[in-house]
């Protein structure tokens, strides 16, 4: 006998399927991660993106003014970090408000 979780067209089967993240979910994760400033690698791992993907997203978010790059010197090493701007914080708040309404 077939159960609901093995049949693709059964409504309960959708509960066991991993939801594919959309662009908005990824942007929210990047903005949240970069609030206090993070290196690209940390953002990449936290958002579960490839190197090529993080480069595309960061370029877009910097170009739109939601993220800003900055350099921080730690000991003798200069590190490039990214942080969420005020505009990015507003976008994040709007995404979260929409998620609350949708729930």
PDB file of N, CA and C in Angstrom:
ATOM      1  N   UNK A   1       0.844  -1.192   0.000  1.00  0.00           N
ATOM      2  CA  UNK A   1       0.000   0.000   0.000  1.00  0.00           C
ATOM      3  C   UNK A   1       0.880   1.243   0.000  1.00  0.00           C
ATOM      4  N   UNK A   2       0.537   2.207  -0.782  1.00  0.00           N
ATOM      5  CA  UNK A   2       1.311   3.433  -0.940  1.00  0.00           C
ATOM      6  C   UNK A   2       0.905   4.439   0.135  1.00  0.00           C
ATOM      7  N   UNK A   3       1.905   5.105   0.744  1.00  0.00           N
ATOM      8  CA  UNK A   3       1.541   6.115   1.739  1.00  0.00           C
ATOM      9  C   UNK A   3       1.620   7.510   1.132  1.00  0.00           C
ATOM     10  N   UNK A   4       1.115   8.506   1.851  1.00  0.00           N
ATOM     11  CA  UNK A   4       1.016   9.878   1.339  1.00  0.00           C
ATOM     12  C   UNK A   4       2.370  10.485   1.035  1.00  0.00           C
ATOM     13  N   UNK A   5       3.400  10.096   1.767  1.00  0.00           N
ATOM     14  CA  UNK A   5       4.697  10.720   1.558  1.00  0.00           C
ATOM     15  C   UNK A   5       5.426  10.185   0.346  1.00  0.00           C
ATOM     16  N   UNK A   6       4.982   9.071  -0.208  1.00  0.00           N
ATOM     17  CA  UNK A   6       5.650   8.534  -1.393  1.00  0.00           C
ATOM     18  C   UNK A   6       4.928   8.905  -2.683  1.00  0.00           C
ATOM     19  N   UNK A   7       3.704   9.351  -2.607  1.00  0.00           N
ATOM     20  CA  UNK A   7       2.954   9.714  -3.800  1.00  0.00           C
ATOM     21  C   UNK A   7       3.112  11.209  -4.061  1.00  0.00           C
ATOM     22  N   UNK A   8       3.634  11.563  -5.216  1.00  0.00           N
ATOM     23  CA  UNK A   8       3.947  12.950  -5.548  1.00  0.00           C
ATOM     24  C   UNK A   8       2.741  13.874  -5.567  1.00  0.00           C
ATOM     25  N   UNK A   9       1.598  13.390  -5.976  1.00  0.00           N
ATOM     26  CA  UNK A   9       0.430  14.257  -6.140  1.00  0.00           C
ATOM     27  C   UNK A   9      -0.437  14.384  -4.895  1.00  0.00           C
ATOM     28  N   UNK A  10      -0.088  13.694  -3.856  1.00  0.00           N
ATOM     29  CA  UNK A  10      -0.865  13.762  -2.620  1.00  0.00           C
ATOM     30  C   UNK A  10      -0.519  15.059  -1.881  1.00  0.00           C
ATOM     31  N   UNK A  11      -1.527  15.781  -1.346  1.00  0.00           N
ATOM     32  CA  UNK A  11      -1.268  17.063  -0.671  1.00  0.00           C
ATOM     33  C   UNK A  11      -0.287  16.958   0.494  1.00  0.00           C
ATOM     34  N   UNK A  12      -0.322  15.863   1.251  1.00  0.00           N
ATOM     35  CA  UNK A  12       0.577  15.714   2.392  1.00  0.00           C
ATOM     36  C   UNK A  12       2.026  15.476   1.960  1.00  0.00           C
ATOM     37  N   UNK A  13       2.225  15.053   0.735  1.00  0.00           N
ATOM     38  CA  UNK A  13       3.578  14.785   0.249  1.00  0.00           C
ATOM     39  C   UNK A  13       4.405  16.059   0.183  1.00  0.00           C
ATOM     40  N   UNK A  14       3.771  17.199  -0.016  1.00  0.00           N
ATOM     41  CA  UNK A  14       4.492  18.467  -0.117  1.00  0.00           C
ATOM     42  C   UNK A  14       5.181  18.842   1.191  1.00  0.00           C
ATOM     43  N   UNK A  15       4.706  18.346   2.320  1.00  0.00           N
ATOM     44  CA  UNK A  15       5.329  18.644   3.604  1.00  0.00           C
ATOM     45  C   UNK A  15       6.737  18.078   3.693  1.00  0.00           C
ATOM     46  N   UNK A  16       7.029  17.018   2.974  1.00  0.00           N
ATOM     47  CA  UNK A  16       8.321  16.359   3.051  1.00  0.00           C
ATOM     48  C   UNK A  16       9.293  16.807   1.959  1.00  0.00           C
ATOM     49  N   UNK A  17       8.842  17.659   1.069  1.00  0.00           N
ATOM     50  CA  UNK A  17       9.695  18.139  -0.006  1.00  0.00           C
ATOM     51  C   UNK A  17      10.446  19.378   0.476  1.00  0.00           C
ATOM     52  N   UNK A  18      11.742  19.431   0.229  1.00  0.00           N
ATOM     53  CA  UNK A  18      12.529  20.597   0.611  1.00  0.00           C
ATOM     54  C   UNK A  18      12.161  21.755  -0.300  1.00  0.00           C
ATOM     55  N   UNK A  19      11.822  22.876   0.288  1.00  0.00           N
ATOM     56  CA  UNK A  19      11.428  24.044  -0.484  1.00  0.00           C
ATOM     57  C   UNK A  19      12.663  24.691  -1.097  1.00  0.00           C
ATOM     58  N   UNK A  20      12.597  24.982  -2.362  1.00  0.00           N
ATOM     59  CA  UNK A  20      13.661  25.687  -3.048  1.00  0.00           C
ATOM     60  C   UNK A  20      13.605  27.149  -2.639  1.00  0.00           C
ATOM     61  N   UNK A  21      14.751  27.695  -2.236  1.00  0.00           N
ATOM     62  CA  UNK A  21      14.784  29.094  -1.820  1.00  0.00           C
ATOM     63  C   UNK A  21      14.641  30.008  -3.026  1.00  0.00           C
ATOM     64  N   UNK A  22      13.893  31.073  -2.842  1.00  0.00           N
ATOM     65  CA  UNK A  22      13.822  32.039  -3.929  1.00  0.00           C
ATOM     66  C   UNK A  22      14.824  33.158  -3.664  1.00  0.00           C
ATOM     67  N   UNK A  23      14.938  34.029  -4.625  1.00  0.00           N
ATOM     68  CA  UNK A  23      15.909  35.123  -4.567  1.00  0.00           C
ATOM     69  C   UNK A  23      15.731  35.987  -3.315  1.00  0.00           C
ATOM     70  N   UNK A  24      14.483  36.222  -2.929  1.00  0.00           N
ATOM     71  CA  UNK A  24      14.202  37.050  -1.756  1.00  0.00           C
ATOM     72  C   UNK A  24      14.732  36.413  -0.475  1.00  0.00           C
ATOM     73  N   UNK A  25      14.556  35.107  -0.341  1.00  0.00           N
ATOM     74  CA  UNK A  25      15.054  34.402   0.844  1.00  0.00           C
ATOM     75  C   UNK A  25      16.572  34.522   0.945  1.00  0.00           C
ATOM     76  N   UNK A  26      17.245  34.420  -0.168  1.00  0.00           N
ATOM     77  CA  UNK A  26      18.705  34.512  -0.189  1.00  0.00           C
ATOM     78  C   UNK A  26      19.143  35.923   0.182  1.00  0.00           C
ATOM     79  N   UNK A  27      18.475  36.925  -0.366  1.00  0.00           N
ATOM     80  CA  UNK A  27      18.814  38.315  -0.054  1.00  0.00           C
ATOM     81  C   UNK A  27      18.607  38.602   1.420  1.00  0.00           C
ATOM     82  N   UNK A  28      17.516  38.107   1.986  1.00  0.00           N
ATOM     83  CA  UNK A  28      17.258  38.290   3.424  1.00  0.00           C
ATOM     84  C   UNK A  28      18.389  37.677   4.247  1.00  0.00           C
ATOM     85  N   UNK A  29      18.816  36.483   3.892  1.00  0.00           N
ATOM     86  CA  UNK A  29      19.900  35.817   4.629  1.00  0.00           C
ATOM     87  C   UNK A  29      21.196  36.622   4.537  1.00  0.00           C
ATOM     88  N   UNK A  30      21.502  37.142   3.370  1.00  0.00           N
ATOM     89  CA  UNK A  30      22.716  37.946   3.202  1.00  0.00           C
ATOM     90  C   UNK A  30      22.628  39.220   4.036  1.00  0.00           C
ATOM     91  N   UNK A  31      21.500  39.911   3.959  1.00  0.00           N
ATOM     92  CA  UNK A  31      21.336  41.160   4.711  1.00  0.00           C
ATOM     93  C   UNK A  31      21.416  40.921   6.220  1.00  0.00           C
ATOM     94  N   UNK A  32      20.793  39.861   6.698  1.00  0.00           N
ATOM     95  CA  UNK A  32      20.849  39.535   8.129  1.00  0.00           C
ATOM     96  C   UNK A  32      22.282  39.217   8.568  1.00  0.00           C
ATOM     97  N   UNK A  33      22.970  38.443   7.768  1.00  0.00           N
ATOM     98  CA  UNK A  33      24.328  38.023   8.108  1.00  0.00           C
ATOM     99  C   UNK A  33      25.285  39.211   8.145  1.00  0.00           C
ATOM    100  N   UNK A  34      25.088  40.167   7.254  1.00  0.00           N
ATOM    101  CA  UNK A  34      26.032  41.282   7.119  1.00  0.00           C
ATOM    102  C   UNK A  34      25.710  42.484   8.003  1.00  0.00           C
ATOM    103  N   UNK A  35      24.754  42.372   8.893  1.00  0.00           N
ATOM    104  CA  UNK A  35      24.354  43.528   9.709  1.00  0.00           C
ATOM    105  C   UNK A  35      25.548  44.159  10.425  1.00  0.00           C
ATOM    106  N   UNK A  36      26.389  43.368  11.037  1.00  0.00           N
ATOM    107  CA  UNK A  36      27.538  43.910  11.778  1.00  0.00           C
ATOM    108  C   UNK A  36      28.844  43.850  11.002  1.00  0.00           C
ATOM    109  N   UNK A  37      28.761  43.509   9.728  1.00  0.00           N
ATOM    110  CA  UNK A  37      29.949  43.413   8.887  1.00  0.00           C
ATOM    111  C   UNK A  37      30.544  42.019   8.936  1.00  0.00           C
ATOM    112  N   UNK A  38      30.671  41.393   7.784  1.00  0.00           N
ATOM    113  CA  UNK A  38      31.234  40.036   7.679  1.00  0.00           C
ATOM    114  C   UNK A  38      32.067  39.937   6.420  1.00  0.00           C
ATOM    115  N   UNK A  39      33.021  39.010   6.431  1.00  0.00           N
ATOM    116  CA  UNK A  39      33.799  38.749   5.226  1.00  0.00           C
ATOM    117  C   UNK A  39      32.930  37.961   4.243  1.00  0.00           C
ATOM    118  N   UNK A  40      33.314  38.023   2.988  1.00  0.00           N
ATOM    119  CA  UNK A  40      32.551  37.367   1.925  1.00  0.00           C
ATOM    120  C   UNK A  40      32.370  35.876   2.197  1.00  0.00           C
ATOM    121  N   UNK A  41      33.416  35.215   2.654  1.00  0.00           N
ATOM    122  CA  UNK A  41      33.346  33.770   2.894  1.00  0.00           C
ATOM    123  C   UNK A  41      32.300  33.428   3.946  1.00  0.00           C
ATOM    124  N   UNK A  42      32.246  34.222   5.006  1.00  0.00           N
ATOM    125  CA  UNK A  42      31.269  33.963   6.066  1.00  0.00           C
ATOM    126  C   UNK A  42      29.849  34.119   5.519  1.00  0.00           C
ATOM    127  N   UNK A  43      29.620  35.168   4.754  1.00  0.00           N
ATOM    128  CA  UNK A  43      28.293  35.389   4.152  1.00  0.00           C
ATOM    129  C   UNK A  43      27.948  34.244   3.210  1.00  0.00           C
ATOM    130  N   UNK A  44      28.925  33.818   2.424  1.00  0.00           N
ATOM    131  CA  UNK A  44      28.728  32.734   1.463  1.00  0.00           C
ATOM    132  C   UNK A  44      28.287  31.450   2.164  1.00  0.00           C
ATOM    133  N   UNK A  45      28.986  31.071   3.241  1.00  0.00           N
ATOM    134  CA  UNK A  45      28.632  29.845   3.964  1.00  0.00           C
ATOM    135  C   UNK A  45      27.290  29.973   4.677  1.00  0.00           C
ATOM    136  N   UNK A  46      27.042  31.117   5.291  1.00  0.00           N
ATOM    137  CA  UNK A  46      25.796  31.314   6.023  1.00  0.00           C
ATOM    138  C   UNK A  46      24.583  31.273   5.081  1.00  0.00           C
ATOM    139  N   UNK A  47      24.744  31.847   3.891  1.00  0.00           N
ATOM    140  CA  UNK A  47      23.651  31.873   2.921  1.00  0.00           C
ATOM    141  C   UNK A  47      23.626  30.620   2.039  1.00  0.00           C
ATOM    142  N   UNK A  48      24.592  29.733   2.252  1.00  0.00           N
ATOM    143  CA  UNK A  48      24.690  28.475   1.491  1.00  0.00           C
ATOM    144  C   UNK A  48      24.726  28.733  -0.017  1.00  0.00           C
ATOM    145  N   UNK A  49      25.683  29.565  -0.434  1.00  0.00           N
ATOM    146  CA  UNK A  49      25.844  29.921  -1.834  1.00  0.00           C
ATOM    147  C   UNK A  49      27.219  29.503  -2.331  1.00  0.00           C
ATOM    148  N   UNK A  50      27.338  29.359  -3.629  1.00  0.00           N
ATOM    149  CA  UNK A  50      28.642  29.095  -4.238  1.00  0.00           C
ATOM    150  C   UNK A  50      29.402  30.416  -4.330  1.00  0.00           C
ATOM    151  N   UNK A  51      30.684  30.319  -4.659  1.00  0.00           N
ATOM    152  CA  UNK A  51      31.511  31.510  -4.809  1.00  0.00           C
ATOM    153  C   UNK A  51      30.974  32.412  -5.931  1.00  0.00           C
ATOM    154  N   UNK A  52      30.594  31.820  -7.041  1.00  0.00           N
ATOM    155  CA  UNK A  52      30.048  32.603  -8.151  1.00  0.00           C
ATOM    156  C   UNK A  52      28.737  33.282  -7.749  1.00  0.00           C
ATOM    157  N   UNK A  53      27.883  32.560  -7.020  1.00  0.00           N
ATOM    158  CA  UNK A  53      26.604  33.127  -6.600  1.00  0.00           C
ATOM    159  C   UNK A  53      26.791  34.287  -5.626  1.00  0.00           C
ATOM    160  N   UNK A  54      27.682  34.125  -4.642  1.00  0.00           N
ATOM    161  CA  UNK A  54      27.865  35.203  -3.668  1.00  0.00           C
ATOM    162  C   UNK A  54      28.415  36.446  -4.355  1.00  0.00           C
ATOM    163  N   UNK A  55      29.289  36.254  -5.337  1.00  0.00           N
ATOM    164  CA  UNK A  55      29.816  37.410  -6.077  1.00  0.00           C
ATOM    165  C   UNK A  55      28.698  38.148  -6.808  1.00  0.00           C
ATOM    166  N   UNK A  56      27.786  37.407  -7.417  1.00  0.00           N
ATOM    167  CA  UNK A  56      26.660  38.031  -8.122  1.00  0.00           C
ATOM    168  C   UNK A  56      25.744  38.781  -7.158  1.00  0.00           C
ATOM    169  N   UNK A  57      25.391  38.124  -6.053  1.00  0.00           N
ATOM    170  CA  UNK A  57      24.494  38.762  -5.088  1.00  0.00           C
ATOM    171  C   UNK A  57      25.132  39.986  -4.447  1.00  0.00           C
ATOM    172  N   UNK A  58      26.392  39.883  -4.040  1.00  0.00           N
ATOM    173  CA  UNK A  58      27.043  41.035  -3.414  1.00  0.00           C
ATOM    174  C   UNK A  58      27.161  42.197  -4.389  1.00  0.00           C
ATOM    175  N   UNK A  59      27.513  41.915  -5.642  1.00  0.00           N
ATOM    176  CA  UNK A  59      27.609  42.977  -6.651  1.00  0.00           C
ATOM    177  C   UNK A  59      26.258  43.686  -6.814  1.00  0.00           C
ATOM    178  N   UNK A  60      25.178  42.902  -6.890  1.00  0.00           N
ATOM    179  CA  UNK A  60      23.836  43.469  -7.021  1.00  0.00           C
ATOM    180  C   UNK A  60      23.477  44.317  -5.802  1.00  0.00           C
ATOM    181  N   UNK A  61      23.698  43.765  -4.613  1.00  0.00           N
ATOM    182  CA  UNK A  61      23.317  44.465  -3.388  1.00  0.00           C
ATOM    183  C   UNK A  61      24.154  45.723  -3.154  1.00  0.00           C
ATOM    184  N   UNK A  62      25.427  45.691  -3.531  1.00  0.00           N
ATOM    185  CA  UNK A  62      26.272  46.890  -3.434  1.00  0.00           C
ATOM    186  C   UNK A  62      25.787  47.935  -4.438  1.00  0.00           C
ATOM    187  N   UNK A  63      25.540  47.507  -5.664  1.00  0.00           N
ATOM    188  CA  UNK A  63      25.083  48.419  -6.715  1.00  0.00           C
ATOM    189  C   UNK A  63      23.766  49.102  -6.333  1.00  0.00           C
ATOM    190  N   UNK A  64      22.875  48.372  -5.668  1.00  0.00           N
ATOM    191  CA  UNK A  64      21.582  48.921  -5.259  1.00  0.00           C
ATOM    192  C   UNK A  64      21.646  49.683  -3.932  1.00  0.00           C
ATOM    193  N   UNK A  65      22.791  49.622  -3.253  1.00  0.00           N
ATOM    194  CA  UNK A  65      22.959  50.367  -2.005  1.00  0.00           C
ATOM    195  C   UNK A  65      22.449  49.665  -0.759  1.00  0.00           C
ATOM    196  N   UNK A  66      22.232  48.348  -0.830  1.00  0.00           N
ATOM    197  CA  UNK A  66      21.742  47.601   0.333  1.00  0.00           C
ATOM    198  C   UNK A  66      22.880  47.052   1.197  1.00  0.00           C
ATOM    199  N   UNK A  67      24.045  46.918   0.595  1.00  0.00           N
ATOM    200  CA  UNK A  67      25.243  46.415   1.272  1.00  0.00           C
ATOM    201  C   UNK A  67      26.385  47.357   0.899  1.00  0.00           C
ATOM    202  N   UNK A  68      27.316  47.577   1.832  1.00  0.00           N
ATOM    203  CA  UNK A  68      28.492  48.380   1.496  1.00  0.00           C
ATOM    204  C   UNK A  68      29.760  47.634   1.879  1.00  0.00           C
ATOM    205  N   UNK A  69      30.748  47.669   0.992  1.00  0.00           N
ATOM    206  CA  UNK A  69      32.033  47.062   1.330  1.00  0.00           C
ATOM    207  C   UNK A  69      32.857  48.049   2.157  1.00  0.00           C
ATOM    208  N   UNK A  70      33.700  47.524   3.034  1.00  0.00           N
ATOM    209  CA  UNK A  70      34.633  48.373   3.773  1.00  0.00           C
ATOM    210  C   UNK A  70      35.850  47.540   4.131  1.00  0.00           C
ATOM    211  N   UNK A  71      36.928  48.210   4.456  1.00  0.00           N
ATOM    212  CA  UNK A  71      38.174  47.521   4.782  1.00  0.00           C
ATOM    213  C   UNK A  71      38.454  47.707   6.265  1.00  0.00           C
ATOM    214  N   UNK A  72      38.841  46.615   6.905  1.00  0.00           N
ATOM    215  CA  UNK A  72      39.179  46.643   8.320  1.00  0.00           C
ATOM    216  C   UNK A  72      40.563  46.042   8.487  1.00  0.00           C
ATOM    217  N   UNK A  73      41.389  46.708   9.241  1.00  0.00           N
ATOM    218  CA  UNK A  73      42.739  46.204   9.466  1.00  0.00           C
ATOM    219  C   UNK A  73      42.766  45.431  10.781  1.00  0.00           C
ATOM    220  N   UNK A  74      43.171  44.180  10.703  1.00  0.00           N
ATOM    221  CA  UNK A  74      43.333  43.329  11.884  1.00  0.00           C
ATOM    222  C   UNK A  74      44.783  42.912  11.931  1.00  0.00           C
ATOM    223  N   UNK A  75      45.475  43.375  12.948  1.00  0.00           N
ATOM    224  CA  UNK A  75      46.922  43.182  13.054  1.00  0.00           C
ATOM    225  C   UNK A  75      47.557  43.769  11.810  1.00  0.00           C
ATOM    226  N   UNK A  76      48.214  42.983  11.004  1.00  0.00           N
ATOM    227  CA  UNK A  76      48.842  43.514   9.785  1.00  0.00           C
ATOM    228  C   UNK A  76      48.051  43.184   8.522  1.00  0.00           C
ATOM    229  N   UNK A  77      46.908  42.589   8.700  1.00  0.00           N
ATOM    230  CA  UNK A  77      46.112  42.130   7.560  1.00  0.00           C
ATOM    231  C   UNK A  77      44.912  43.058   7.350  1.00  0.00           C
ATOM    232  N   UNK A  78      44.745  43.474   6.112  1.00  0.00           N
ATOM    233  CA  UNK A  78      43.568  44.266   5.748  1.00  0.00           C
ATOM    234  C   UNK A  78      42.517  43.311   5.195  1.00  0.00           C
ATOM    235  N   UNK A  79      41.325  43.366   5.767  1.00  0.00           N
ATOM    236  CA  UNK A  79      40.246  42.469   5.336  1.00  0.00           C
ATOM    237  C   UNK A  79      39.107  43.273   4.749  1.00  0.00           C
ATOM    238  N   UNK A  80      38.578  42.781   3.667  1.00  0.00           N
ATOM    239  CA  UNK A  80      37.410  43.413   3.041  1.00  0.00           C
ATOM    240  C   UNK A  80      36.166  42.763   3.622  1.00  0.00           C
ATOM    241  N   UNK A  81      35.312  43.579   4.193  1.00  0.00           N
ATOM    242  CA  UNK A  81      34.063  43.111   4.777  1.00  0.00           C
ATOM    243  C   UNK A  81      32.900  43.792   4.092  1.00  0.00           C
ATOM    244  N   UNK A  82      31.723  43.253   4.335  1.00  0.00           N
ATOM    245  CA  UNK A  82      30.486  43.810   3.785  1.00  0.00           C
ATOM    246  C   UNK A  82      29.512  43.986   4.933  1.00  0.00           C
ATOM    247  N   UNK A  83      28.812  45.126   4.926  1.00  0.00           N
ATOM    248  CA  UNK A  83      27.802  45.349   5.964  1.00  0.00           C
ATOM    249  C   UNK A  83      26.529  45.900   5.350  1.00  0.00           C
ATOM    250  N   UNK A  84      25.433  45.602   6.020  1.00  0.00           N
ATOM    251  CA  UNK A  84      24.117  46.050   5.592  1.00  0.00           C
ATOM    252  C   UNK A  84      23.987  47.546   5.864  1.00  0.00           C
ATOM    253  N   UNK A  85      23.536  48.302   4.860  1.00  0.00           N
ATOM    254  CA  UNK A  85      23.346  49.743   5.000  1.00  0.00           C
ATOM    255  C   UNK A  85      21.979  50.030   5.622  1.00  0.00           C
ATOM    256  N   UNK A  86      21.706  51.309   5.880  1.00  0.00           N
ATOM    257  CA  UNK A  86      20.384  51.701   6.379  1.00  0.00           C
ATOM    258  C   UNK A  86      19.302  51.315   5.372  1.00  0.00           C
ATOM    259  N   UNK A  87      19.587  51.513   4.099  1.00  0.00           N
ATOM    260  CA  UNK A  87      18.644  51.128   3.049  1.00  0.00           C
ATOM    261  C   UNK A  87      18.414  49.618   3.077  1.00  0.00           C
ATOM    262  N   UNK A  88      19.468  48.858   3.315  1.00  0.00           N
ATOM    263  CA  UNK A  88      19.357  47.409   3.420  1.00  0.00           C
ATOM    264  C   UNK A  88      18.535  46.990   4.629  1.00  0.00           C
ATOM    265  N   UNK A  89      18.692  47.725   5.731  1.00  0.00           N
ATOM    266  CA  UNK A  89      17.906  47.428   6.937  1.00  0.00           C
ATOM    267  C   UNK A  89      16.419  47.664   6.677  1.00  0.00           C
ATOM    268  N   UNK A  90      16.109  48.724   5.935  1.00  0.00           N
ATOM    269  CA  UNK A  90      14.702  48.995   5.589  1.00  0.00           C
ATOM    270  C   UNK A  90      14.135  47.880   4.721  1.00  0.00           C
ATOM    271  N   UNK A  91      14.935  47.427   3.749  1.00  0.00           N
ATOM    272  CA  UNK A  91      14.494  46.326   2.896  1.00  0.00           C
ATOM    273  C   UNK A  91      14.252  45.065   3.730  1.00  0.00           C
ATOM    274  N   UNK A  92      15.156  44.779   4.641  1.00  0.00           N
ATOM    275  CA  UNK A  92      15.030  43.617   5.525  1.00  0.00           C
ATOM    276  C   UNK A  92      13.757  43.716   6.367  1.00  0.00           C
ATOM    277  N   UNK A  93      13.496  44.889   6.926  1.00  0.00           N
ATOM    278  CA  UNK A  93      12.277  45.093   7.715  1.00  0.00           C
ATOM    279  C   UNK A  93      11.030  44.871   6.853  1.00  0.00           C
ATOM    280  N   UNK A  94      11.062  45.355   5.619  1.00  0.00           N
ATOM    281  CA  UNK A  94       9.915  45.169   4.722  1.00  0.00           C
ATOM    282  C   UNK A  94       9.695  43.697   4.373  1.00  0.00           C
ATOM    283  N   UNK A  95      10.782  42.979   4.119  1.00  0.00           N
ATOM    284  CA  UNK A  95      10.667  41.540   3.851  1.00  0.00           C
ATOM    285  C   UNK A  95      10.057  40.824   5.046  1.00  0.00           C
ATOM    286  N   UNK A  96      10.509  41.174   6.251  1.00  0.00           N
ATOM    287  CA  UNK A  96      10.006  40.506   7.457  1.00  0.00           C
ATOM    288  C   UNK A  96       8.538  40.843   7.700  1.00  0.00           C
ATOM    289  N   UNK A  97       8.138  42.075   7.408  1.00  0.00           N
ATOM    290  CA  UNK A  97       6.730  42.461   7.543  1.00  0.00           C
ATOM    291  C   UNK A  97       5.854  41.666   6.575  1.00  0.00           C
ATOM    292  N   UNK A  98       6.341  41.508   5.347  1.00  0.00           N
ATOM    293  CA  UNK A  98       5.594  40.716   4.355  1.00  0.00           C
ATOM    294  C   UNK A  98       5.482  39.265   4.790  1.00  0.00           C
ATOM    295  N   UNK A  99       6.550  38.716   5.356  1.00  0.00           N
ATOM    296  CA  UNK A  99       6.529  37.325   5.815  1.00  0.00           C
ATOM    297  C   UNK A  99       5.515  37.143   6.928  1.00  0.00           C
ATOM    298  N   UNK A 100       5.410  38.127   7.832  1.00  0.00           N
ATOM    299  CA  UNK A 100       4.426  38.050   8.920  1.00  0.00           C
ATOM    300  C   UNK A 100       3.000  38.078   8.361  1.00  0.00           C
ATOM    301  N   UNK A 101       2.777  38.930   7.374  1.00  0.00           N
ATOM    302  CA  UNK A 101       1.450  39.011   6.768  1.00  0.00           C
ATOM    303  C   UNK A 101       1.096  37.733   6.027  1.00  0.00           C
ATOM    304  N   UNK A 102       2.080  37.124   5.411  1.00  0.00           N
ATOM    305  CA  UNK A 102       1.869  35.917   4.616  1.00  0.00           C
ATOM    306  C   UNK A 102       1.577  34.708   5.495  1.00  0.00           C
ATOM    307  N   UNK A 103       2.148  34.670   6.696  1.00  0.00           N
ATOM    308  CA  UNK A 103       2.027  33.510   7.587  1.00  0.00           C
ATOM    309  C   UNK A 103       0.620  33.261   8.069  1.00  0.00           C
TER     310      UNK A 103
END
